[in-house]
Amino acid sequence: MTPPAALAGPPIIVLRSINREGETYALEPRSLERLRRELGGRLRSHPRIFIAHETAADFEHVHGAIVPQIIQLLTGLSEEELNQLGGVSFQDPVTEKELPRV
Protein backbone atom coordinates (compact mmCIF):
# COMPACT_ATOMS: atom_id res chain seq x y z
CA MET A 1 0.00 0.00 0.00
CA THR A 2 1.52 3.29 -1.12
CA PRO A 3 0.48 6.37 0.83
CA PRO A 4 -0.64 9.51 -1.03
CA ALA A 5 2.22 11.63 -2.38
CA ALA A 6 1.15 14.41 -0.01
CA LEU A 7 2.51 12.38 2.90
CA ALA A 8 6.07 12.33 1.51
CA GLY A 9 8.21 14.97 3.12
CA PRO A 10 11.45 15.50 4.96
CA PRO A 11 13.11 12.46 6.49
CA ILE A 12 12.08 11.07 9.85
CA ILE A 13 14.87 11.98 12.29
CA VAL A 14 16.30 9.43 14.73
CA LEU A 15 18.54 11.00 17.37
CA ARG A 16 21.53 8.99 18.57
CA SER A 17 23.27 9.88 21.85
CA ILE A 18 26.46 8.17 23.01
CA ASN A 19 28.01 7.56 26.38
CA ARG A 20 30.78 5.21 27.45
CA GLU A 21 28.25 2.44 28.10
CA GLY A 22 26.44 2.51 24.77
CA GLU A 23 24.09 4.35 22.43
CA THR A 24 20.58 5.66 22.99
CA TYR A 25 18.26 6.09 20.01
CA ALA A 26 15.03 8.14 20.06
CA LEU A 27 12.69 9.68 17.54
CA GLU A 28 13.12 13.44 17.27
CA PRO A 29 9.96 14.98 18.84
CA ARG A 30 8.73 16.68 15.62
CA SER A 31 9.28 13.45 13.68
CA LEU A 32 7.34 11.49 16.30
CA GLU A 33 4.46 13.98 16.15
CA ARG A 34 4.45 13.81 12.35
CA LEU A 35 4.31 10.01 12.43
CA ARG A 36 1.45 10.11 14.93
CA ARG A 37 -0.50 12.51 12.71
CA GLU A 38 0.12 10.61 9.48
CA LEU A 39 0.00 7.01 10.67
CA GLY A 40 -2.33 7.07 13.64
CA GLY A 41 -2.85 3.53 14.97
CA ARG A 42 -0.24 1.98 12.66
CA LEU A 43 2.50 3.65 14.70
CA ARG A 44 3.81 1.50 17.55
CA SER A 45 6.44 3.80 18.97
CA HIS A 46 8.82 3.33 21.88
CA PRO A 47 10.39 6.45 23.39
CA ARG A 48 14.01 5.25 23.55
CA ILE A 49 16.20 2.28 22.81
CA PHE A 50 19.57 1.69 24.47
CA ILE A 51 22.24 -0.54 22.93
CA ALA A 52 25.22 -1.38 25.15
CA HIS A 53 28.73 -1.46 23.68
CA GLU A 54 30.74 -4.65 23.93
CA THR A 55 33.81 -2.97 22.45
CA ALA A 56 34.89 0.57 21.67
CA ALA A 57 32.46 1.96 19.09
CA ASP A 58 33.05 4.29 16.19
CA PHE A 59 31.10 7.31 17.41
CA GLU A 60 31.03 9.09 14.05
CA HIS A 61 28.87 6.48 12.33
CA VAL A 62 25.71 4.48 12.80
CA HIS A 63 26.49 0.86 12.12
CA GLY A 64 24.20 -0.21 9.31
CA ALA A 65 23.63 -3.73 10.63
CA ILE A 66 21.46 -2.41 13.47
CA VAL A 67 19.58 0.25 11.49
CA PRO A 68 16.59 -1.92 10.50
CA GLN A 69 16.14 -3.15 14.06
CA ILE A 70 16.38 0.35 15.57
CA ILE A 71 13.80 1.70 13.12
CA GLN A 72 11.47 -1.24 13.70
CA LEU A 73 11.73 -0.96 17.49
CA LEU A 74 11.22 2.82 17.56
CA THR A 75 8.28 2.94 15.14
CA GLY A 76 6.90 -0.55 14.62
CA LEU A 77 7.45 0.05 10.89
CA SER A 78 10.13 -1.05 8.45
CA GLU A 79 12.61 1.34 6.87
CA GLU A 80 10.95 0.61 3.51
CA GLU A 81 7.62 1.87 4.88
CA LEU A 82 9.27 5.02 6.23
CA ASN A 83 11.04 5.58 2.91
CA GLN A 84 7.59 6.27 1.46
CA LEU A 85 7.27 9.14 3.95
CA GLY A 86 10.64 10.71 3.13
CA GLY A 87 13.16 8.23 4.54
CA VAL A 88 15.08 8.11 7.80
CA SER A 89 18.06 10.19 8.93
CA PHE A 90 20.21 9.53 12.00
CA GLN A 91 21.48 12.68 13.74
CA ASP A 92 23.58 13.72 16.70
CA PRO A 93 21.15 15.61 19.01
CA VAL A 94 23.78 18.15 20.09
CA THR A 95 25.35 19.08 16.75
CA GLU A 96 22.30 18.17 14.62
CA LYS A 97 24.84 16.66 12.22
CA GLU A 98 23.63 13.75 10.11
CA LEU A 99 25.45 10.56 11.02
CA PRO A 100 26.63 8.44 8.09
CA ARG A 101 25.81 4.75 8.08
CA VAL A 102 28.59 2.21 7.63
PDB file of N, CA and C in Angstrom:
ATOM      1  N   MET A   1       0.835  -1.174   0.000  1.00  0.00           N
ATOM      2  CA  MET A   1       0.000   0.000   0.000  1.00  0.00           C
ATOM      3  C   MET A   1       0.880   1.238   0.000  1.00  0.00           C
ATOM      4  N   THR A   2       0.741   2.064  -1.009  1.00  0.00           N
ATOM      5  CA  THR A   2       1.523   3.285  -1.120  1.00  0.00           C
ATOM      6  C   THR A   2       0.696   4.447  -0.611  1.00  0.00           C
ATOM      7  N   PRO A   3       1.239   5.239   0.317  1.00  0.00           N
ATOM      8  CA  PRO A   3       0.485   6.372   0.832  1.00  0.00           C
ATOM      9  C   PRO A   3       0.405   7.473  -0.217  1.00  0.00           C
ATOM     10  N   PRO A   4      -0.558   8.400  -0.094  1.00  0.00           N
ATOM     11  CA  PRO A   4      -0.639   9.509  -1.027  1.00  0.00           C
ATOM     12  C   PRO A   4       0.660  10.297  -1.054  1.00  0.00           C
ATOM     13  N   ALA A   5       0.976  10.862  -2.219  1.00  0.00           N
ATOM     14  CA  ALA A   5       2.219  11.629  -2.381  1.00  0.00           C
ATOM     15  C   ALA A   5       2.300  12.784  -1.390  1.00  0.00           C
ATOM     16  N   ALA A   6       1.152  13.279  -0.949  1.00  0.00           N
ATOM     17  CA  ALA A   6       1.155  14.410  -0.014  1.00  0.00           C
ATOM     18  C   ALA A   6       1.831  14.062   1.300  1.00  0.00           C
ATOM     19  N   LEU A   7       1.885  12.772   1.639  1.00  0.00           N
ATOM     20  CA  LEU A   7       2.511  12.382   2.900  1.00  0.00           C
ATOM     21  C   LEU A   7       4.033  12.431   2.839  1.00  0.00           C
ATOM     22  N   ALA A   8       4.608  12.295   1.632  1.00  0.00           N
ATOM     23  CA  ALA A   8       6.072  12.329   1.511  1.00  0.00           C
ATOM     24  C   ALA A   8       6.561  13.695   1.960  1.00  0.00           C
ATOM     25  N   GLY A   9       7.684  13.705   2.617  1.00  0.00           N
ATOM     26  CA  GLY A   9       8.208  14.971   3.118  1.00  0.00           C
ATOM     27  C   GLY A   9       9.642  14.808   3.542  1.00  0.00           C
ATOM     28  N   PRO A  10      10.078  15.628   4.471  1.00  0.00           N
ATOM     29  CA  PRO A  10      11.452  15.498   4.961  1.00  0.00           C
ATOM     30  C   PRO A  10      11.641  14.171   5.680  1.00  0.00           C
ATOM     31  N   PRO A  11      12.881  13.744   5.833  1.00  0.00           N
ATOM     32  CA  PRO A  11      13.105  12.460   6.492  1.00  0.00           C
ATOM     33  C   PRO A  11      12.666  12.469   7.953  1.00  0.00           C
ATOM     34  N   ILE A  12      12.341  11.290   8.434  1.00  0.00           N
ATOM     35  CA  ILE A  12      12.076  11.069   9.854  1.00  0.00           C
ATOM     36  C   ILE A  12      13.443  11.069  10.536  1.00  0.00           C
ATOM     37  N   ILE A  13      13.586  11.830  11.611  1.00  0.00           N
ATOM     38  CA  ILE A  13      14.868  11.977  12.294  1.00  0.00           C
ATOM     39  C   ILE A  13      14.925  11.052  13.513  1.00  0.00           C
ATOM     40  N   VAL A  14      15.992  10.250  13.563  1.00  0.00           N
ATOM     41  CA  VAL A  14      16.299   9.432  14.730  1.00  0.00           C
ATOM     42  C   VAL A  14      17.541  10.042  15.375  1.00  0.00           C
ATOM     43  N   LEU A  15      17.422  10.415  16.636  1.00  0.00           N
ATOM     44  CA  LEU A  15      18.541  10.997  17.373  1.00  0.00           C
ATOM     45  C   LEU A  15      19.339   9.882  18.036  1.00  0.00           C
ATOM     46  N   ARG A  16      20.674   9.992  17.949  1.00  0.00           N
ATOM     47  CA  ARG A  16      21.530   8.989  18.575  1.00  0.00           C
ATOM     48  C   ARG A  16      22.494   9.679  19.534  1.00  0.00           C
ATOM     49  N   SER A  17      22.375   9.358  20.816  1.00  0.00           N
ATOM     50  CA  SER A  17      23.271   9.877  21.850  1.00  0.00           C
ATOM     51  C   SER A  17      24.218   8.760  22.255  1.00  0.00           C
ATOM     52  N   ILE A  18      25.433   9.144  22.646  1.00  0.00           N
ATOM     53  CA  ILE A  18      26.463   8.169  23.009  1.00  0.00           C
ATOM     54  C   ILE A  18      26.980   8.474  24.409  1.00  0.00           C
ATOM     55  N   ASN A  19      27.217   7.425  25.161  1.00  0.00           N
ATOM     56  CA  ASN A  19      28.014   7.562  26.379  1.00  0.00           C
ATOM     57  C   ASN A  19      28.977   6.383  26.416  1.00  0.00           C
ATOM     58  N   ARG A  20      29.761   6.264  27.444  1.00  0.00           N
ATOM     59  CA  ARG A  20      30.783   5.206  27.447  1.00  0.00           C
ATOM     60  C   ARG A  20      30.185   3.816  27.581  1.00  0.00           C
ATOM     61  N   GLU A  21      28.914   3.732  27.947  1.00  0.00           N
ATOM     62  CA  GLU A  21      28.248   2.438  28.102  1.00  0.00           C
ATOM     63  C   GLU A  21      27.552   1.964  26.828  1.00  0.00           C
ATOM     64  N   GLY A  22      27.157   2.905  25.967  1.00  0.00           N
ATOM     65  CA  GLY A  22      26.441   2.510  24.766  1.00  0.00           C
ATOM     66  C   GLY A  22      25.787   3.681  24.052  1.00  0.00           C
ATOM     67  N   GLU A  23      24.774   3.364  23.264  1.00  0.00           N
ATOM     68  CA  GLU A  23      24.090   4.346  22.435  1.00  0.00           C
ATOM     69  C   GLU A  23      22.605   4.338  22.764  1.00  0.00           C
ATOM     70  N   THR A  24      22.013   5.527  22.801  1.00  0.00           N
ATOM     71  CA  THR A  24      20.578   5.663  22.989  1.00  0.00           C
ATOM     72  C   THR A  24      19.998   6.260  21.719  1.00  0.00           C
ATOM     73  N   TYR A  25      18.946   5.643  21.209  1.00  0.00           N
ATOM     74  CA  TYR A  25      18.255   6.092  20.005  1.00  0.00           C
ATOM     75  C   TYR A  25      16.856   6.530  20.398  1.00  0.00           C
ATOM     76  N   ALA A  26      16.382   7.634  19.802  1.00  0.00           N
ATOM     77  CA  ALA A  26      15.034   8.135  20.058  1.00  0.00           C
ATOM     78  C   ALA A  26      14.552   8.887  18.833  1.00  0.00           C
ATOM     79  N   LEU A  27      13.246   8.870  18.611  1.00  0.00           N
ATOM     80  CA  LEU A  27      12.692   9.683  17.542  1.00  0.00           C
ATOM     81  C   LEU A  27      12.734  11.151  17.953  1.00  0.00           C
ATOM     82  N   GLU A  28      13.128  11.999  17.041  1.00  0.00           N
ATOM     83  CA  GLU A  28      13.118  13.444  17.275  1.00  0.00           C
ATOM     84  C   GLU A  28      11.655  13.833  17.498  1.00  0.00           C
ATOM     85  N   PRO A  29      11.351  14.689  18.479  1.00  0.00           N
ATOM     86  CA  PRO A  29       9.957  14.979  18.836  1.00  0.00           C
ATOM     87  C   PRO A  29       9.064  15.412  17.665  1.00  0.00           C
ATOM     88  N   ARG A  30       9.565  16.259  16.765  1.00  0.00           N
ATOM     89  CA  ARG A  30       8.734  16.680  15.619  1.00  0.00           C
ATOM     90  C   ARG A  30       8.472  15.514  14.673  1.00  0.00           C
ATOM     91  N   SER A  31       9.469  14.635  14.521  1.00  0.00           N
ATOM     92  CA  SER A  31       9.281  13.454  13.682  1.00  0.00           C
ATOM     93  C   SER A  31       8.248  12.513  14.302  1.00  0.00           C
ATOM     94  N   LEU A  32       8.311  12.340  15.610  1.00  0.00           N
ATOM     95  CA  LEU A  32       7.339  11.493  16.298  1.00  0.00           C
ATOM     96  C   LEU A  32       5.930  12.051  16.132  1.00  0.00           C
ATOM     97  N   GLU A  33       5.782  13.347  16.308  1.00  0.00           N
ATOM     98  CA  GLU A  33       4.465  13.979  16.147  1.00  0.00           C
ATOM     99  C   GLU A  33       3.953  13.815  14.715  1.00  0.00           C
ATOM    100  N   ARG A  34       4.834  13.991  13.758  1.00  0.00           N
ATOM    101  CA  ARG A  34       4.450  13.808  12.347  1.00  0.00           C
ATOM    102  C   ARG A  34       3.970  12.379  12.091  1.00  0.00           C
ATOM    103  N   LEU A  35       4.708  11.396  12.604  1.00  0.00           N
ATOM    104  CA  LEU A  35       4.307  10.009  12.426  1.00  0.00           C
ATOM    105  C   LEU A  35       2.959   9.737  13.090  1.00  0.00           C
ATOM    106  N   ARG A  36       2.739  10.299  14.248  1.00  0.00           N
ATOM    107  CA  ARG A  36       1.454  10.114  14.931  1.00  0.00           C
ATOM    108  C   ARG A  36       0.307  10.693  14.105  1.00  0.00           C
ATOM    109  N   ARG A  37       0.529  11.875  13.540  1.00  0.00           N
ATOM    110  CA  ARG A  37      -0.499  12.511  12.707  1.00  0.00           C
ATOM    111  C   ARG A  37      -0.786  11.691  11.451  1.00  0.00           C
ATOM    112  N   GLU A  38       0.263  11.256  10.781  1.00  0.00           N
ATOM    113  CA  GLU A  38       0.116  10.614   9.479  1.00  0.00           C
ATOM    114  C   GLU A  38      -0.236   9.134   9.557  1.00  0.00           C
ATOM    115  N   LEU A  39       0.189   8.454  10.612  1.00  0.00           N
ATOM    116  CA  LEU A  39      -0.003   7.009  10.671  1.00  0.00           C
ATOM    117  C   LEU A  39      -1.027   6.562  11.702  1.00  0.00           C
ATOM    118  N   GLY A  40      -1.337   7.418  12.639  1.00  0.00           N
ATOM    119  CA  GLY A  40      -2.328   7.065  13.645  1.00  0.00           C
ATOM    120  C   GLY A  40      -2.020   5.744  14.331  1.00  0.00           C
ATOM    121  N   GLY A  41      -2.960   4.808  14.281  1.00  0.00           N
ATOM    122  CA  GLY A  41      -2.848   3.532  14.973  1.00  0.00           C
ATOM    123  C   GLY A  41      -1.802   2.584  14.418  1.00  0.00           C
ATOM    124  N   ARG A  42      -1.299   2.846  13.215  1.00  0.00           N
ATOM    125  CA  ARG A  42      -0.244   1.980  12.664  1.00  0.00           C
ATOM    126  C   ARG A  42       1.078   2.188  13.384  1.00  0.00           C
ATOM    127  N   LEU A  43       1.254   3.334  14.021  1.00  0.00           N
ATOM    128  CA  LEU A  43       2.503   3.646  14.704  1.00  0.00           C
ATOM    129  C   LEU A  43       2.549   2.948  16.059  1.00  0.00           C
ATOM    130  N   ARG A  44       3.574   2.174  16.269  1.00  0.00           N
ATOM    131  CA  ARG A  44       3.808   1.498  17.554  1.00  0.00           C
ATOM    132  C   ARG A  44       5.150   1.973  18.078  1.00  0.00           C
ATOM    133  N   SER A  45       5.165   3.183  18.591  1.00  0.00           N
ATOM    134  CA  SER A  45       6.439   3.803  18.969  1.00  0.00           C
ATOM    135  C   SER A  45       6.867   3.443  20.383  1.00  0.00           C
ATOM    136  N   HIS A  46       8.177   3.457  20.570  1.00  0.00           N
ATOM    137  CA  HIS A  46       8.818   3.328  21.878  1.00  0.00           C
ATOM    138  C   HIS A  46       9.677   4.577  22.050  1.00  0.00           C
ATOM    139  N   PRO A  47       9.697   5.168  23.224  1.00  0.00           N
ATOM    140  CA  PRO A  47      10.386   6.447  23.393  1.00  0.00           C
ATOM    141  C   PRO A  47      11.893   6.390  23.168  1.00  0.00           C
ATOM    142  N   ARG A  48      12.550   5.344  23.647  1.00  0.00           N
ATOM    143  CA  ARG A  48      14.009   5.248  23.553  1.00  0.00           C
ATOM    144  C   ARG A  48      14.428   3.793  23.491  1.00  0.00           C
ATOM    145  N   ILE A  49      15.581   3.609  22.856  1.00  0.00           N
ATOM    146  CA  ILE A  49      16.196   2.281  22.811  1.00  0.00           C
ATOM    147  C   ILE A  49      17.660   2.462  23.163  1.00  0.00           C
ATOM    148  N   PHE A  50      18.163   1.638  24.072  1.00  0.00           N
ATOM    149  CA  PHE A  50      19.568   1.695  24.472  1.00  0.00           C
ATOM    150  C   PHE A  50      20.253   0.429  23.996  1.00  0.00           C
ATOM    151  N   ILE A  51      21.430   0.587  23.371  1.00  0.00           N
ATOM    152  CA  ILE A  51      22.242  -0.545  22.931  1.00  0.00           C
ATOM    153  C   ILE A  51      23.596  -0.419  23.622  1.00  0.00           C
ATOM    154  N   ALA A  52      23.937  -1.403  24.434  1.00  0.00           N
ATOM    155  CA  ALA A  52      25.218  -1.384  25.145  1.00  0.00           C
ATOM    156  C   ALA A  52      26.356  -1.738  24.194  1.00  0.00           C
ATOM    157  N   HIS A  53      27.530  -1.154  24.451  1.00  0.00           N
ATOM    158  CA  HIS A  53      28.735  -1.459  23.676  1.00  0.00           C
ATOM    159  C   HIS A  53      29.440  -2.657  24.293  1.00  0.00           C
ATOM    160  N   GLU A  54      29.868  -3.579  23.456  1.00  0.00           N
ATOM    161  CA  GLU A  54      30.744  -4.648  23.927  1.00  0.00           C
ATOM    162  C   GLU A  54      32.197  -4.233  23.764  1.00  0.00           C
ATOM    163  N   THR A  55      32.465  -3.451  22.733  1.00  0.00           N
ATOM    164  CA  THR A  55      33.814  -2.965  22.454  1.00  0.00           C
ATOM    165  C   THR A  55      33.726  -1.476  22.169  1.00  0.00           C
ATOM    166  N   ALA A  56      34.877  -0.857  22.009  1.00  0.00           N
ATOM    167  CA  ALA A  56      34.892   0.565  21.666  1.00  0.00           C
ATOM    168  C   ALA A  56      34.174   0.767  20.339  1.00  0.00           C
ATOM    169  N   ALA A  57      33.258   1.710  20.293  1.00  0.00           N
ATOM    170  CA  ALA A  57      32.464   1.961  19.093  1.00  0.00           C
ATOM    171  C   ALA A  57      33.035   3.133  18.310  1.00  0.00           C
ATOM    172  N   ASP A  58      32.723   3.160  17.035  1.00  0.00           N
ATOM    173  CA  ASP A  58      33.052   4.292  16.188  1.00  0.00           C
ATOM    174  C   ASP A  58      31.912   5.294  16.344  1.00  0.00           C
ATOM    175  N   PHE A  59      32.155   6.378  17.059  1.00  0.00           N
ATOM    176  CA  PHE A  59      31.101   7.311  17.413  1.00  0.00           C
ATOM    177  C   PHE A  59      30.658   8.207  16.266  1.00  0.00           C
ATOM    178  N   GLU A  60      31.372   8.213  15.170  1.00  0.00           N
ATOM    179  CA  GLU A  60      31.034   9.089  14.054  1.00  0.00           C
ATOM    180  C   GLU A  60      30.067   8.449  13.069  1.00  0.00           C
ATOM    181  N   HIS A  61      29.718   7.193  13.267  1.00  0.00           N
ATOM    182  CA  HIS A  61      28.872   6.477  12.328  1.00  0.00           C
ATOM    183  C   HIS A  61      27.789   5.697  13.058  1.00  0.00           C
ATOM    184  N   VAL A  62      26.722   5.419  12.337  1.00  0.00           N
ATOM    185  CA  VAL A  62      25.708   4.477  12.800  1.00  0.00           C
ATOM    186  C   VAL A  62      25.987   3.193  12.051  1.00  0.00           C
ATOM    187  N   HIS A  63      26.148   2.122  12.764  1.00  0.00           N
ATOM    188  CA  HIS A  63      26.489   0.858  12.124  1.00  0.00           C
ATOM    189  C   HIS A  63      25.252   0.266  11.460  1.00  0.00           C
ATOM    190  N   GLY A  64      25.331   0.164  10.141  1.00  0.00           N
ATOM    191  CA  GLY A  64      24.203  -0.214   9.311  1.00  0.00           C
ATOM    192  C   GLY A  64      23.511  -1.502   9.694  1.00  0.00           C
ATOM    193  N   ALA A  65      24.230  -2.436  10.287  1.00  0.00           N
ATOM    194  CA  ALA A  65      23.634  -3.729  10.626  1.00  0.00           C
ATOM    195  C   ALA A  65      22.495  -3.592  11.629  1.00  0.00           C
ATOM    196  N   ILE A  66      22.516  -2.550  12.462  1.00  0.00           N
ATOM    197  CA  ILE A  66      21.463  -2.414  13.469  1.00  0.00           C
ATOM    198  C   ILE A  66      20.355  -1.447  13.047  1.00  0.00           C
ATOM    199  N   VAL A  67      20.551  -0.755  11.928  1.00  0.00           N
ATOM    200  CA  VAL A  67      19.578   0.254  11.491  1.00  0.00           C
ATOM    201  C   VAL A  67      18.166  -0.319  11.353  1.00  0.00           C
ATOM    202  N   PRO A  68      17.968  -1.424  10.638  1.00  0.00           N
ATOM    203  CA  PRO A  68      16.586  -1.921  10.498  1.00  0.00           C
ATOM    204  C   PRO A  68      15.931  -2.255  11.840  1.00  0.00           C
ATOM    205  N   GLN A  69      16.701  -2.803  12.752  1.00  0.00           N
ATOM    206  CA  GLN A  69      16.136  -3.152  14.057  1.00  0.00           C
ATOM    207  C   GLN A  69      15.792  -1.905  14.868  1.00  0.00           C
ATOM    208  N   ILE A  70      16.648  -0.898  14.835  1.00  0.00           N
ATOM    209  CA  ILE A  70      16.385   0.350  15.566  1.00  0.00           C
ATOM    210  C   ILE A  70      15.106   0.997  15.043  1.00  0.00           C
ATOM    211  N   ILE A  71      14.992   1.085  13.723  1.00  0.00           N
ATOM    212  CA  ILE A  71      13.805   1.702  13.120  1.00  0.00           C
ATOM    213  C   ILE A  71      12.551   0.914  13.485  1.00  0.00           C
ATOM    214  N   GLN A  72      12.625  -0.400  13.390  1.00  0.00           N
ATOM    215  CA  GLN A  72      11.468  -1.244  13.701  1.00  0.00           C
ATOM    216  C   GLN A  72      11.069  -1.093  15.168  1.00  0.00           C
ATOM    217  N   LEU A  73      12.042  -1.082  16.068  1.00  0.00           N
ATOM    218  CA  LEU A  73      11.730  -0.964  17.493  1.00  0.00           C
ATOM    219  C   LEU A  73      11.168   0.412  17.848  1.00  0.00           C
ATOM    220  N   LEU A  74      11.692   1.475  17.237  1.00  0.00           N
ATOM    221  CA  LEU A  74      11.219   2.824  17.556  1.00  0.00           C
ATOM    222  C   LEU A  74       9.833   3.108  17.004  1.00  0.00           C
ATOM    223  N   THR A  75       9.518   2.556  15.831  1.00  0.00           N
ATOM    224  CA  THR A  75       8.283   2.938  15.143  1.00  0.00           C
ATOM    225  C   THR A  75       7.290   1.803  14.934  1.00  0.00           C
ATOM    226  N   GLY A  76       7.763   0.569  14.980  1.00  0.00           N
ATOM    227  CA  GLY A  76       6.899  -0.549  14.624  1.00  0.00           C
ATOM    228  C   GLY A  76       6.755  -0.711  13.122  1.00  0.00           C
ATOM    229  N   LEU A  77       7.505   0.081  12.346  1.00  0.00           N
ATOM    230  CA  LEU A  77       7.449   0.045  10.889  1.00  0.00           C
ATOM    231  C   LEU A  77       8.824  -0.285  10.326  1.00  0.00           C
ATOM    232  N   SER A  78       8.853  -0.766   9.104  1.00  0.00           N
ATOM    233  CA  SER A  78      10.131  -1.049   8.450  1.00  0.00           C
ATOM    234  C   SER A  78      10.698   0.226   7.833  1.00  0.00           C
ATOM    235  N   GLU A  79      11.989   0.192   7.537  1.00  0.00           N
ATOM    236  CA  GLU A  79      12.605   1.337   6.872  1.00  0.00           C
ATOM    237  C   GLU A  79      11.965   1.559   5.506  1.00  0.00           C
ATOM    238  N   GLU A  80      11.588   0.484   4.813  1.00  0.00           N
ATOM    239  CA  GLU A  80      10.947   0.614   3.507  1.00  0.00           C
ATOM    240  C   GLU A  80       9.630   1.392   3.622  1.00  0.00           C
ATOM    241  N   GLU A  81       8.867   1.123   4.676  1.00  0.00           N
ATOM    242  CA  GLU A  81       7.620   1.868   4.880  1.00  0.00           C
ATOM    243  C   GLU A  81       7.900   3.345   5.142  1.00  0.00           C
ATOM    244  N   LEU A  82       8.941   3.623   5.939  1.00  0.00           N
ATOM    245  CA  LEU A  82       9.271   5.016   6.233  1.00  0.00           C
ATOM    246  C   LEU A  82       9.892   5.716   5.032  1.00  0.00           C
ATOM    247  N   ASN A  83      10.505   4.970   4.127  1.00  0.00           N
ATOM    248  CA  ASN A  83      11.043   5.582   2.908  1.00  0.00           C
ATOM    249  C   ASN A  83       9.936   6.225   2.090  1.00  0.00           C
ATOM    250  N   GLN A  84       8.728   5.689   2.167  1.00  0.00           N
ATOM    251  CA  GLN A  84       7.595   6.267   1.459  1.00  0.00           C
ATOM    252  C   GLN A  84       7.168   7.605   2.056  1.00  0.00           C
ATOM    253  N   LEU A  85       7.601   7.881   3.272  1.00  0.00           N
ATOM    254  CA  LEU A  85       7.271   9.139   3.947  1.00  0.00           C
ATOM    255  C   LEU A  85       8.417  10.140   3.887  1.00  0.00           C
ATOM    256  N   GLY A  86       9.507   9.788   3.222  1.00  0.00           N
ATOM    257  CA  GLY A  86      10.639  10.707   3.126  1.00  0.00           C
ATOM    258  C   GLY A  86      11.946  10.114   3.613  1.00  0.00           C
ATOM    259  N   GLY A  87      11.928   8.879   4.107  1.00  0.00           N
ATOM    260  CA  GLY A  87      13.157   8.234   4.543  1.00  0.00           C
ATOM    261  C   GLY A  87      13.457   8.473   6.009  1.00  0.00           C
ATOM    262  N   VAL A  88      14.639   8.023   6.414  1.00  0.00           N
ATOM    263  CA  VAL A  88      15.083   8.114   7.805  1.00  0.00           C
ATOM    264  C   VAL A  88      16.496   8.672   7.831  1.00  0.00           C
ATOM    265  N   SER A  89      16.738   9.609   8.732  1.00  0.00           N
ATOM    266  CA  SER A  89      18.061  10.185   8.925  1.00  0.00           C
ATOM    267  C   SER A  89      18.445  10.043  10.391  1.00  0.00           C
ATOM    268  N   PHE A  90      19.679   9.609  10.642  1.00  0.00           N
ATOM    269  CA  PHE A  90      20.209   9.531  12.003  1.00  0.00           C
ATOM    270  C   PHE A  90      21.023  10.787  12.262  1.00  0.00           C
ATOM    271  N   GLN A  91      20.789  11.434  13.415  1.00  0.00           N
ATOM    272  CA  GLN A  91      21.484  12.679  13.737  1.00  0.00           C
ATOM    273  C   GLN A  91      22.006  12.668  15.162  1.00  0.00           C
ATOM    274  N   ASP A  92      23.073  13.436  15.355  1.00  0.00           N
ATOM    275  CA  ASP A  92      23.575  13.719  16.698  1.00  0.00           C
ATOM    276  C   ASP A  92      22.666  14.813  17.275  1.00  0.00           C
ATOM    277  N   PRO A  93      22.083  14.617  18.467  1.00  0.00           N
ATOM    278  CA  PRO A  93      21.155  15.608  19.007  1.00  0.00           C
ATOM    279  C   PRO A  93      21.805  16.925  19.419  1.00  0.00           C
ATOM    280  N   VAL A  94      23.096  16.928  19.676  1.00  0.00           N
ATOM    281  CA  VAL A  94      23.777  18.155  20.090  1.00  0.00           C
ATOM    282  C   VAL A  94      24.182  18.989  18.882  1.00  0.00           C
ATOM    283  N   THR A  95      24.853  18.354  17.922  1.00  0.00           N
ATOM    284  CA  THR A  95      25.353  19.078  16.751  1.00  0.00           C
ATOM    285  C   THR A  95      24.332  19.155  15.625  1.00  0.00           C
ATOM    286  N   GLU A  96      23.301  18.310  15.682  1.00  0.00           N
ATOM    287  CA  GLU A  96      22.305  18.170  14.618  1.00  0.00           C
ATOM    288  C   GLU A  96      22.929  17.729  13.291  1.00  0.00           C
ATOM    289  N   LYS A  97      24.130  17.178  13.389  1.00  0.00           N
ATOM    290  CA  LYS A  97      24.839  16.665  12.219  1.00  0.00           C
ATOM    291  C   LYS A  97      24.291  15.291  11.863  1.00  0.00           C
ATOM    292  N   GLU A  98      24.071  15.063  10.547  1.00  0.00           N
ATOM    293  CA  GLU A  98      23.632  13.748  10.108  1.00  0.00           C
ATOM    294  C   GLU A  98      24.777  12.765  10.271  1.00  0.00           C
ATOM    295  N   LEU A  99      24.447  11.596  10.786  1.00  0.00           N
ATOM    296  CA  LEU A  99      25.453  10.559  11.023  1.00  0.00           C
ATOM    297  C   LEU A  99      25.451   9.582   9.854  1.00  0.00           C
ATOM    298  N   PRO A 100      26.594   9.404   9.203  1.00  0.00           N
ATOM    299  CA  PRO A 100      26.629   8.444   8.089  1.00  0.00           C
ATOM    300  C   PRO A 100      26.483   7.022   8.600  1.00  0.00           C
ATOM    301  N   ARG A 101      25.936   6.175   7.760  1.00  0.00           N
ATOM    302  CA  ARG A 101      25.810   4.751   8.079  1.00  0.00           C
ATOM    303  C   ARG A 101      26.978   4.005   7.435  1.00  0.00           C
ATOM    304  N   VAL A 102      27.510   3.060   8.175  1.00  0.00           N
ATOM    305  CA  VAL A 102      28.590   2.209   7.625  1.00  0.00           C
ATOM    306  C   VAL A 102      28.224   0.761   7.799  1.00  0.00           C
TER     307      VAL A 102
END
